[in-house]
Structures are given as C-alpha cells and as structure tokens.
C-alpha cells in the first residue's frame, strides 16, 4: 500500500472525529491531525508532516475507540523518519464468542 500518494478526505467518520478529539485531549493540535485515504481506499491518520505519535497516546485512543492504529514508518532521504497510522476496525472478541 502506498501512503506517500494519497487523497484528501472530505468528510471524516464519527470514529475518526472521536480519534481527533481524543488526540486533542492528549495535547495534539487539532489542525495537525489529518485523516487521508490511500489509492487503495485505506484510511489513515497522520500528525503534522508525518510526525510520530507517542505509544501512550496510541493506547489511549485505542482504549476509547473500536479501532486499532497500525503504525507504518519509513525513512525519507530528505525528511528523515515519517509515520502514518492505518485505521482498522477492532474485532470485538466478546461479540465473536457470543455468535458461537
């Protein structure tokens, strides 16, 4: 999946809005929290210009949302390390067990 080629997301989902709110509560600037979409249709989160999100902040968001933020990192020759976070729905183990 290519995260360096992306599309701007016009509207965010309620879950993405909640992610933004939670990160703002953890001290991130709301204007720096960006949701984008890859050419394959995968939505992802970035902070500023591909900045790192602290693990305690990732855990905080994942505790309060039904998502997993999967970190993707790569090194750019001009800009150094860059980070994006794939937004994935978390599978609820309790629901799965109830269905069995």
Protein backbone atom coordinates (compact mmCIF):
# COMPACT_ATOMS: atom_id res chain seq x y z
CA UNK A 1 0.00 0.00 0.00
CA UNK A 2 1.32 3.42 -0.90
CA UNK A 3 0.94 6.03 1.80
CA UNK A 4 3.03 8.63 0.02
CA UNK A 5 0.36 9.00 -2.67
CA UNK A 6 -2.91 9.88 -1.05
CA UNK A 7 -6.24 11.59 -1.33
CA UNK A 8 -7.64 14.21 0.98
CA UNK A 9 -10.70 13.04 2.87
CA UNK A 10 -13.60 15.46 2.56
CA UNK A 11 -15.65 14.10 5.42
CA UNK A 12 -14.47 12.16 8.41
CA UNK A 13 -16.45 9.38 10.04
CA UNK A 14 -17.76 9.67 13.63
CA UNK A 15 -14.97 7.30 14.73
CA UNK A 16 -12.34 9.47 13.04
CA UNK A 17 -13.83 12.54 14.72
CA UNK A 18 -13.52 10.75 18.06
CA UNK A 19 -9.88 9.88 17.32
CA UNK A 20 -9.20 13.55 16.63
CA UNK A 21 -10.95 14.60 19.85
CA UNK A 22 -9.01 12.08 21.94
CA UNK A 23 -5.67 13.14 20.46
CA UNK A 24 -6.57 16.80 21.06
CA UNK A 25 -7.29 15.90 24.68
CA UNK A 26 -3.79 14.40 24.82
CA UNK A 27 -2.22 17.69 23.67
CA UNK A 28 -2.03 17.37 19.89
CA UNK A 29 -3.12 20.40 17.86
CA UNK A 30 -6.42 19.79 16.09
CA UNK A 31 -5.13 21.35 12.84
CA UNK A 32 -2.23 18.86 12.82
CA UNK A 33 -4.47 15.77 13.00
CA UNK A 34 -5.17 14.69 9.42
CA UNK A 35 -7.13 11.74 8.01
CA UNK A 36 -6.26 10.72 4.46
CA UNK A 37 -7.04 7.86 2.13
CA UNK A 38 -4.62 5.75 0.11
CA UNK A 39 -5.29 4.98 -3.58
CA UNK A 40 -6.44 1.52 -2.39
CA UNK A 41 -9.12 3.10 -0.20
CA UNK A 42 -7.42 2.53 3.18
CA UNK A 43 -7.91 5.44 5.57
CA UNK A 44 -5.03 6.51 7.75
CA UNK A 45 -4.07 9.12 10.28
CA UNK A 46 -1.10 11.43 10.23
CA UNK A 47 0.07 14.13 12.59
CA UNK A 48 1.56 17.27 11.07
CA UNK A 49 4.11 16.32 8.44
CA UNK A 50 4.27 12.58 9.13
CA UNK A 51 5.13 13.02 12.83
CA UNK A 52 5.36 10.25 15.44
CA UNK A 53 2.50 9.58 17.91
CA UNK A 54 3.67 8.51 21.37
CA UNK A 55 2.70 4.93 22.28
CA UNK A 56 0.81 6.05 25.42
CA UNK A 57 -1.33 8.32 23.20
CA UNK A 58 -1.98 5.49 20.73
CA UNK A 59 -3.02 3.26 23.63
CA UNK A 60 -5.32 5.97 24.99
CA UNK A 61 -7.12 6.29 21.64
CA UNK A 62 -7.39 2.53 21.20
CA UNK A 63 -8.83 2.12 24.72
CA UNK A 64 -11.65 4.55 23.93
CA UNK A 65 -12.42 3.61 20.31
CA UNK A 66 -13.26 0.40 18.49
CA UNK A 67 -10.21 0.76 16.26
CA UNK A 68 -6.57 -0.25 16.04
CA UNK A 69 -4.00 2.24 14.80
CA UNK A 70 -1.33 0.29 12.93
CA UNK A 71 1.93 2.22 12.69
CA UNK A 72 3.76 2.41 9.38
CA UNK A 73 7.16 4.09 9.32
CA UNK A 74 9.70 4.72 6.60
CA UNK A 75 12.81 6.80 6.19
CA UNK A 76 12.83 9.58 3.62
CA UNK A 77 16.22 10.76 2.37
CA UNK A 78 15.21 14.43 2.67
CA UNK A 79 12.90 14.46 5.71
CA UNK A 80 14.05 11.57 7.92
CA UNK A 81 11.60 9.17 9.56
CA UNK A 82 7.94 9.56 8.65
CA UNK A 83 4.96 7.94 10.33
CA UNK A 84 1.37 7.15 9.35
CA UNK A 85 -1.22 5.14 11.25
CA UNK A 86 -3.60 2.85 9.39
CA UNK A 87 -7.10 2.98 10.88
CA UNK A 88 -8.53 -0.52 11.27
CA UNK A 89 -11.72 -1.66 12.95
CA UNK A 90 -11.01 -3.75 16.04
CA UNK A 91 -12.66 -7.14 16.09
CA UNK A 92 -14.67 -7.50 19.28
CA UNK A 93 -13.77 -10.88 20.78
CA UNK A 94 -16.87 -10.82 23.04
CA UNK A 95 -19.19 -10.47 20.05
CA UNK A 96 -17.37 -13.25 18.26
CA UNK A 97 -17.77 -15.56 21.25
CA UNK A 98 -21.48 -14.67 21.62
CA UNK A 99 -22.13 -15.65 18.00
CA UNK A 100 -20.66 -19.13 18.50
